[in-house]
Amino acid sequence: MNLDRAVLAFAGFVVLASAILAVTVSIWWIALTIFAGFNLLQSSMTGFCPAAILFRRLGLRRGSAF
């Protein structure tokens, strides 16, 4: 798995988990979905992604986007 796929998988997990938590626990978990969406949007414009930095430090090989 390269860095790009790890970031996309992590973002997908966060969105799905927060949607499930919003339905089952509290509607306020939608805030995590909104945060993930904003983070994906700013990452696409600036190239800065905290998850990519973390995964790079964990030793994942670079992808084409990060």
C-alpha atoms as a PDB file:
ATOM      1  CA  MET A   1       0.000   0.000   0.000  1.00  0.00           C
ATOM      2  CA  ASN A   2       1.376   3.416  -0.855  1.00  0.00           C
ATOM      3  CA  LEU A   3       0.808   6.730   0.886  1.00  0.00           C
ATOM      4  CA  ASP A   4      -2.009   7.879  -1.428  1.00  0.00           C
ATOM      5  CA  ARG A   5      -4.087   4.762  -0.886  1.00  0.00           C
ATOM      6  CA  ALA A   6      -3.538   4.879   2.876  1.00  0.00           C
ATOM      7  CA  VAL A   7      -4.761   8.485   3.064  1.00  0.00           C
ATOM      8  CA  LEU A   8      -7.841   7.700   0.966  1.00  0.00           C
ATOM      9  CA  ALA A   9      -8.600   4.590   3.023  1.00  0.00           C
ATOM     10  CA  PHE A  10      -8.235   6.534   6.275  1.00  0.00           C
ATOM     11  CA  ALA A  11     -10.507   9.336   5.021  1.00  0.00           C
ATOM     12  CA  GLY A  12     -13.107   6.801   3.926  1.00  0.00           C
ATOM     13  CA  PHE A  13     -12.955   5.078   7.295  1.00  0.00           C
ATOM     14  CA  VAL A  14     -13.394   8.376   9.171  1.00  0.00           C
ATOM     15  CA  VAL A  15     -16.396   9.385   7.059  1.00  0.00           C
ATOM     16  CA  LEU A  16     -18.099   5.993   7.363  1.00  0.00           C
ATOM     17  CA  ALA A  17     -17.404   5.699  11.087  1.00  0.00           C
ATOM     18  CA  SER A  18     -18.718   9.186  11.815  1.00  0.00           C
ATOM     19  CA  ALA A  19     -21.838   8.575   9.728  1.00  0.00           C
ATOM     20  CA  ILE A  20     -22.554   5.340  11.607  1.00  0.00           C
ATOM     21  CA  LEU A  21     -21.918   7.058  14.946  1.00  0.00           C
ATOM     22  CA  ALA A  22     -24.213   9.931  13.940  1.00  0.00           C
ATOM     23  CA  VAL A  23     -27.038   7.497  13.244  1.00  0.00           C
ATOM     24  CA  THR A  24     -26.516   5.292  16.299  1.00  0.00           C
ATOM     25  CA  VAL A  25     -25.061   7.540  19.019  1.00  0.00           C
ATOM     26  CA  SER A  26     -25.504  11.261  18.438  1.00  0.00           C
ATOM     27  CA  ILE A  27     -26.147  13.558  15.502  1.00  0.00           C
ATOM     28  CA  TRP A  28     -23.151  15.625  16.638  1.00  0.00           C
ATOM     29  CA  TRP A  29     -20.815  13.017  15.079  1.00  0.00           C
ATOM     30  CA  ILE A  30     -21.675  14.693  11.764  1.00  0.00           C
ATOM     31  CA  ALA A  31     -19.123  17.316  12.822  1.00  0.00           C
ATOM     32  CA  LEU A  32     -16.380  14.734  12.258  1.00  0.00           C
ATOM     33  CA  THR A  33     -17.694  14.091   8.748  1.00  0.00           C
ATOM     34  CA  ILE A  34     -17.642  17.840   8.053  1.00  0.00           C
ATOM     35  CA  PHE A  35     -14.091  18.095   9.420  1.00  0.00           C
ATOM     36  CA  ALA A  36     -12.942  15.230   7.193  1.00  0.00           C
ATOM     37  CA  GLY A  37     -14.553  16.869   4.166  1.00  0.00           C
ATOM     38  CA  PHE A  38     -12.903  20.222   4.861  1.00  0.00           C
ATOM     39  CA  ASN A  39      -9.570  18.500   5.422  1.00  0.00           C
ATOM     40  CA  LEU A  40      -9.856  16.671   2.089  1.00  0.00           C
ATOM     41  CA  LEU A  41     -10.761  19.921   0.343  1.00  0.00           C
ATOM     42  CA  GLN A  42      -7.890  21.948   1.835  1.00  0.00           C
ATOM     43  CA  SER A  43      -5.484  19.077   1.162  1.00  0.00           C
ATOM     44  CA  SER A  44      -6.444  19.054  -2.501  1.00  0.00           C
ATOM     45  CA  MET A  45      -5.738  22.781  -2.769  1.00  0.00           C
ATOM     46  CA  THR A  46      -2.620  23.104  -0.612  1.00  0.00           C
ATOM     47  CA  GLY A  47      -1.010  19.666  -0.709  1.00  0.00           C
ATOM     48  CA  PHE A  48      -0.727  19.648   3.102  1.00  0.00           C
ATOM     49  CA  CYS A  49      -2.258  16.600   4.756  1.00  0.00           C
ATOM     50  CA  PRO A  50      -1.593  15.679   8.398  1.00  0.00           C
ATOM     51  CA  ALA A  51      -2.532  12.038   7.744  1.00  0.00           C
ATOM     52  CA  ALA A  52       0.008  11.849   4.906  1.00  0.00           C
ATOM     53  CA  ILE A  53       2.729  13.149   7.231  1.00  0.00           C
ATOM     54  CA  LEU A  54       1.816  10.534   9.837  1.00  0.00           C
ATOM     55  CA  PHE A  55       1.732   7.666   7.339  1.00  0.00           C
ATOM     56  CA  ARG A  56       5.048   8.785   5.821  1.00  0.00           C
ATOM     57  CA  ARG A  57       6.634   8.669   9.284  1.00  0.00           C
ATOM     58  CA  LEU A  58       5.221   5.174   9.725  1.00  0.00           C
ATOM     59  CA  GLY A  59       7.224   4.101   6.675  1.00  0.00           C
ATOM     60  CA  LEU A  60       4.733   3.936   3.827  1.00  0.00           C
ATOM     61  CA  ARG A  61       6.254   4.534   0.424  1.00  0.00           C
ATOM     62  CA  ARG A  62       5.405   7.725  -1.392  1.00  0.00           C
ATOM     63  CA  GLY A  63       2.586   7.918  -3.899  1.00  0.00           C
ATOM     64  CA  SER A  64       1.989  10.314  -6.754  1.00  0.00           C
ATOM     65  CA  ALA A  65      -0.144  12.802  -4.806  1.00  0.00           C
ATOM     66  CA  PHE A  66       1.716  13.061  -1.485  1.00  0.00           C
END
